[in-house]
Amino acid sequence: MKIIEPSFEIMYMPNAKTILLVLESAARVCYKSEDKIKPESANKIIRGLIKSGHESVIEHMGVTVKFTCDRGISHELVRHRIASFSQESTRYANYSKEKFGNEITVIRPIFWPAGHMLYTLWRQTCALAETSYLTLLKRGAKVQEARSVLPNSLKTEIVVTANLREWRHILKLRCSKAAHPQIRQLCLPLLDGLHSLLPVLFEQLYEIHKESILKLANTGLL
């Protein structure tokens, strides 16, 4: 059994200049002020749109992100409606095969340090699930049947594409201190990354969660 950390990768995003130009151009169609587009005019109008709540304009551009997380956290991601999802399937991924190392991979929980008795119990439980899964396959169970014993901590990969308004909504909910620690572990760094690429679109959220982002970066804990 392999234990890994969760992670994310921004798979596709147009460059910032293109995003800002498209969003500004779309916004100015509403007011027929296309003649006012200048090299530095996008930030002002986009900032104004967000402040006024006129966020439908920022739906014109999107971002695709691949998350590596546990199955439980992936279930939180797919609750968001205005998005497209492609996820690793336990019906077809046979973890007893060589391409998977003949083992399952699980995500380390952020809330229990290695050596803690709860971490030890978690690790033992996942190992038992792996043994049961591999045994079922050896005895003739189909992959889609044997998956019934796999743990919530099982690693999965899920690709999420959403428009920028929806990403702002996702991050608002999933970076909150009320959110699950493991989804915050993914979404706080994602917010940090998107803010560095598109500050005008994510500056408000970043300021709200800046302290948590820095704490996670410095200590690895929430």
Protein backbone atom coordinates (compact mmCIF):
# COMPACT_ATOMS: atom_id res chain seq x y z
CA MET A 1 0.00 0.00 0.00
CA LYS A 2 1.28 3.42 -0.98
CA ILE A 3 0.48 6.56 1.01
CA ILE A 4 0.74 9.91 -0.79
CA GLU A 5 -0.12 13.58 -0.30
CA PRO A 6 -3.00 15.20 -2.18
CA SER A 7 -2.12 17.58 -5.02
CA PHE A 8 -3.51 19.55 -7.93
CA GLU A 9 -2.39 20.63 -11.39
CA ILE A 10 -3.81 23.46 -13.51
CA MET A 11 -4.12 21.50 -16.75
CA TYR A 12 -5.42 24.28 -18.97
CA MET A 13 -5.93 28.01 -18.64
CA PRO A 14 -5.63 30.66 -21.35
CA ASN A 15 -2.93 33.22 -20.61
CA ALA A 16 -3.97 36.06 -18.32
CA LYS A 17 -3.83 38.68 -21.06
CA THR A 18 -6.32 36.74 -23.19
CA ILE A 19 -8.66 36.12 -20.27
CA LEU A 20 -8.76 39.77 -19.27
CA LEU A 21 -9.24 40.95 -22.87
CA VAL A 22 -12.15 38.56 -23.49
CA LEU A 23 -13.85 39.46 -20.19
CA GLU A 24 -13.43 43.20 -20.73
CA SER A 25 -14.64 42.96 -24.33
CA ALA A 26 -17.71 41.00 -23.25
CA ALA A 27 -18.49 43.49 -20.49
CA ARG A 28 -18.15 46.49 -22.78
CA VAL A 29 -20.65 45.03 -25.26
CA CYS A 30 -23.27 45.67 -22.55
CA TYR A 31 -22.45 49.36 -22.45
CA LYS A 32 -21.21 49.72 -26.05
CA SER A 33 -17.95 51.15 -24.76
CA GLU A 34 -15.55 48.97 -26.75
CA ASP A 35 -13.74 52.12 -27.86
CA LYS A 36 -12.51 52.59 -24.29
CA ILE A 37 -10.45 49.39 -24.24
CA LYS A 38 -6.85 50.25 -23.39
CA PRO A 39 -3.82 48.18 -22.34
CA GLU A 40 -4.56 48.64 -18.61
CA SER A 41 -8.34 49.14 -18.63
CA ALA A 42 -9.42 45.52 -17.98
CA ASN A 43 -8.59 45.42 -14.27
CA LYS A 44 -10.76 48.42 -13.45
CA ILE A 45 -13.86 47.18 -15.24
CA ILE A 46 -13.52 43.58 -13.99
CA ARG A 47 -12.98 44.77 -10.43
CA GLY A 48 -16.11 46.90 -10.78
CA LEU A 49 -18.14 43.96 -12.11
CA ILE A 50 -17.17 41.79 -9.14
CA LYS A 51 -17.85 44.55 -6.63
CA SER A 52 -21.31 45.16 -8.09
CA GLY A 53 -22.14 41.44 -8.23
CA HIS A 54 -22.41 41.44 -12.04
CA GLU A 55 -20.36 38.24 -12.27
CA SER A 56 -22.12 36.62 -15.21
CA VAL A 57 -19.52 38.29 -17.44
CA ILE A 58 -16.67 36.26 -15.95
CA GLU A 59 -18.42 33.04 -16.96
CA HIS A 60 -17.05 33.56 -20.47
CA MET A 61 -13.65 32.06 -19.53
CA GLY A 62 -12.75 28.86 -17.70
CA VAL A 63 -9.97 26.82 -16.13
CA THR A 64 -9.31 23.05 -16.03
CA VAL A 65 -7.74 21.56 -12.90
CA LYS A 66 -6.74 17.96 -12.14
CA PHE A 67 -7.00 17.01 -8.48
CA THR A 68 -5.33 14.01 -6.86
CA CYS A 69 -7.31 13.42 -3.69
CA ASP A 70 -9.22 10.76 -1.81
CA ARG A 71 -12.63 9.50 -2.91
CA GLY A 72 -14.41 11.33 -0.11
CA ILE A 73 -13.05 14.71 -1.20
CA SER A 74 -13.88 13.99 -4.84
CA HIS A 75 -17.50 13.58 -3.77
CA GLU A 76 -17.43 17.12 -2.41
CA LEU A 77 -16.09 18.46 -5.69
CA VAL A 78 -18.79 16.85 -7.83
CA ARG A 79 -21.50 18.52 -5.75
CA HIS A 80 -20.77 21.71 -7.69
CA ARG A 81 -23.20 21.93 -10.58
CA ILE A 82 -21.77 24.27 -13.22
CA ALA A 83 -18.71 22.17 -14.06
CA SER A 84 -17.53 19.17 -16.04
CA PHE A 85 -15.91 16.18 -14.33
CA SER A 86 -13.79 13.24 -15.52
CA GLN A 87 -12.75 10.84 -12.77
CA GLU A 88 -10.63 7.73 -12.36
CA SER A 89 -13.06 4.80 -12.27
CA THR A 90 -12.77 1.99 -9.73
CA ARG A 91 -14.92 -0.11 -12.06
CA TYR A 92 -12.10 -0.28 -14.59
CA ALA A 93 -8.90 0.50 -12.66
CA ASN A 94 -7.61 -2.86 -11.42
CA TYR A 95 -5.12 -2.03 -8.68
CA SER A 96 -3.76 -5.57 -8.60
CA LYS A 97 -2.13 -4.94 -11.99
CA GLU A 98 1.51 -4.00 -12.52
CA LYS A 99 0.65 -0.52 -13.85
CA PHE A 100 -0.67 0.31 -10.35
CA GLY A 101 2.22 -1.40 -8.56
CA ASN A 102 -0.01 -4.31 -7.51
CA GLU A 103 -1.29 -2.20 -4.63
CA ILE A 104 -3.75 0.48 -3.73
CA THR A 105 -2.74 4.09 -3.16
CA VAL A 106 -4.31 6.11 -0.37
CA ILE A 107 -4.21 9.79 0.60
CA ARG A 108 -2.61 10.65 3.93
CA PRO A 109 -5.09 12.46 6.20
CA ILE A 110 -3.84 15.91 7.18
CA PHE A 111 -5.41 15.83 10.65
CA TRP A 112 -3.44 12.87 12.12
CA PRO A 113 0.37 13.03 12.28
CA ALA A 114 2.30 9.83 11.52
CA GLY A 115 2.78 7.88 14.73
CA HIS A 116 -0.45 9.09 16.35
CA MET A 117 -2.61 6.19 17.49
CA LEU A 118 -5.48 7.36 15.26
CA TYR A 119 -3.14 7.52 12.25
CA THR A 120 -1.92 3.99 13.07
CA LEU A 121 -5.50 2.71 13.27
CA TRP A 122 -6.32 4.43 9.96
CA ARG A 123 -3.26 2.90 8.28
CA GLN A 124 -4.08 -0.59 9.57
CA THR A 125 -7.67 -0.29 8.36
CA CYS A 126 -6.58 0.77 4.87
CA ALA A 127 -4.07 -2.08 4.73
CA LEU A 128 -6.78 -4.55 5.69
CA ALA A 129 -9.01 -3.15 2.95
CA GLU A 130 -6.18 -3.60 0.45
CA THR A 131 -5.70 -7.22 1.52
CA SER A 132 -9.41 -7.91 1.19
CA TYR A 133 -9.57 -6.23 -2.23
CA LEU A 134 -6.63 -8.19 -3.64
CA THR A 135 -7.95 -11.44 -2.17
CA LEU A 136 -11.36 -10.93 -3.74
CA LEU A 137 -9.74 -10.43 -7.14
CA LYS A 138 -7.58 -13.54 -6.75
CA ARG A 139 -10.68 -15.57 -5.93
CA GLY A 140 -12.50 -14.48 -9.06
CA ALA A 141 -14.38 -11.32 -8.13
CA LYS A 142 -14.74 -8.74 -10.87
CA VAL A 143 -13.05 -5.38 -10.41
CA GLN A 144 -16.41 -3.61 -10.05
CA GLU A 145 -17.33 -6.09 -7.32
CA ALA A 146 -14.06 -6.05 -5.40
CA ARG A 147 -14.08 -2.25 -5.20
CA SER A 148 -16.85 -2.54 -2.59
CA VAL A 149 -14.22 -2.92 0.15
CA LEU A 150 -12.00 -0.04 -0.92
CA PRO A 151 -11.66 2.78 1.63
CA ASN A 152 -12.77 6.39 1.38
CA SER A 153 -9.07 7.30 1.54
CA LEU A 154 -8.42 5.62 -1.82
CA LYS A 155 -6.53 7.92 -4.17
CA THR A 156 -8.49 9.17 -7.14
CA GLU A 157 -7.75 11.62 -9.94
CA ILE A 158 -10.50 13.96 -11.04
CA VAL A 159 -10.37 16.61 -13.76
CA VAL A 160 -12.64 19.59 -13.15
CA THR A 161 -13.45 22.27 -15.73
CA ALA A 162 -15.45 25.30 -14.64
CA ASN A 163 -15.88 28.91 -15.61
CA LEU A 164 -14.16 31.55 -13.51
CA ARG A 165 -17.32 32.56 -11.70
CA GLU A 166 -17.86 28.96 -10.60
CA TRP A 167 -14.22 28.63 -9.48
CA ARG A 168 -14.73 31.71 -7.32
CA HIS A 169 -17.82 30.04 -5.85
CA ILE A 170 -16.03 26.72 -5.30
CA LEU A 171 -13.08 28.39 -3.60
CA LYS A 172 -15.32 30.58 -1.46
CA LEU A 173 -16.99 27.46 -0.04
CA ARG A 174 -14.04 25.06 0.06
CA CYS A 175 -11.44 27.44 1.51
CA SER A 176 -13.73 28.35 4.39
CA LYS A 177 -12.71 27.29 7.89
CA ALA A 178 -16.00 25.40 8.01
CA ALA A 179 -14.93 23.20 5.07
CA HIS A 180 -13.36 19.77 5.45
CA PRO A 181 -9.61 20.01 6.27
CA GLN A 182 -8.62 17.84 3.31
CA ILE A 183 -10.45 19.92 0.72
CA ARG A 184 -8.99 23.09 2.26
CA GLN A 185 -5.57 21.43 1.86
CA LEU A 186 -6.20 21.45 -1.92
CA CYS A 187 -8.22 24.60 -2.42
CA LEU A 188 -6.15 27.05 -0.39
CA PRO A 189 -3.03 26.45 -2.55
CA LEU A 190 -5.23 26.52 -5.68
CA LEU A 191 -6.57 29.91 -4.61
CA ASP A 192 -3.00 31.08 -4.05
CA GLY A 193 -2.00 29.90 -7.54
CA LEU A 194 -5.00 31.43 -9.31
CA HIS A 195 -4.50 34.70 -7.45
CA SER A 196 -0.89 34.88 -8.64
CA LEU A 197 -2.03 34.32 -12.24
CA LEU A 198 -5.22 36.41 -12.19
CA PRO A 199 -5.04 38.74 -9.19
CA VAL A 200 -7.97 40.97 -10.15
CA LEU A 201 -10.35 38.00 -10.18
CA PHE A 202 -9.23 36.41 -6.93
CA GLU A 203 -7.85 39.27 -4.81
CA GLN A 204 -10.87 39.50 -2.50
CA LEU A 205 -10.88 35.78 -1.72
CA TYR A 206 -7.11 35.76 -1.32
CA GLU A 207 -7.18 38.51 1.29
CA ILE A 208 -9.83 36.64 3.27
CA HIS A 209 -7.80 33.42 3.32
CA LYS A 210 -4.25 34.77 3.19
CA GLU A 211 -3.48 33.82 6.79
CA SER A 212 -4.63 30.22 6.26
CA ILE A 213 -2.68 29.96 2.99
CA LEU A 214 0.53 31.12 4.69
CA LYS A 215 -0.03 28.81 7.66
CA LEU A 216 -0.52 25.82 5.39
CA ALA A 217 2.59 26.74 3.37
CA ASN A 218 4.75 27.21 6.47
CA THR A 219 3.59 24.29 8.63
CA GLY A 220 1.76 21.91 6.33
CA LEU A 221 -1.16 22.03 8.77
CA LEU A 222 -4.48 23.87 8.81
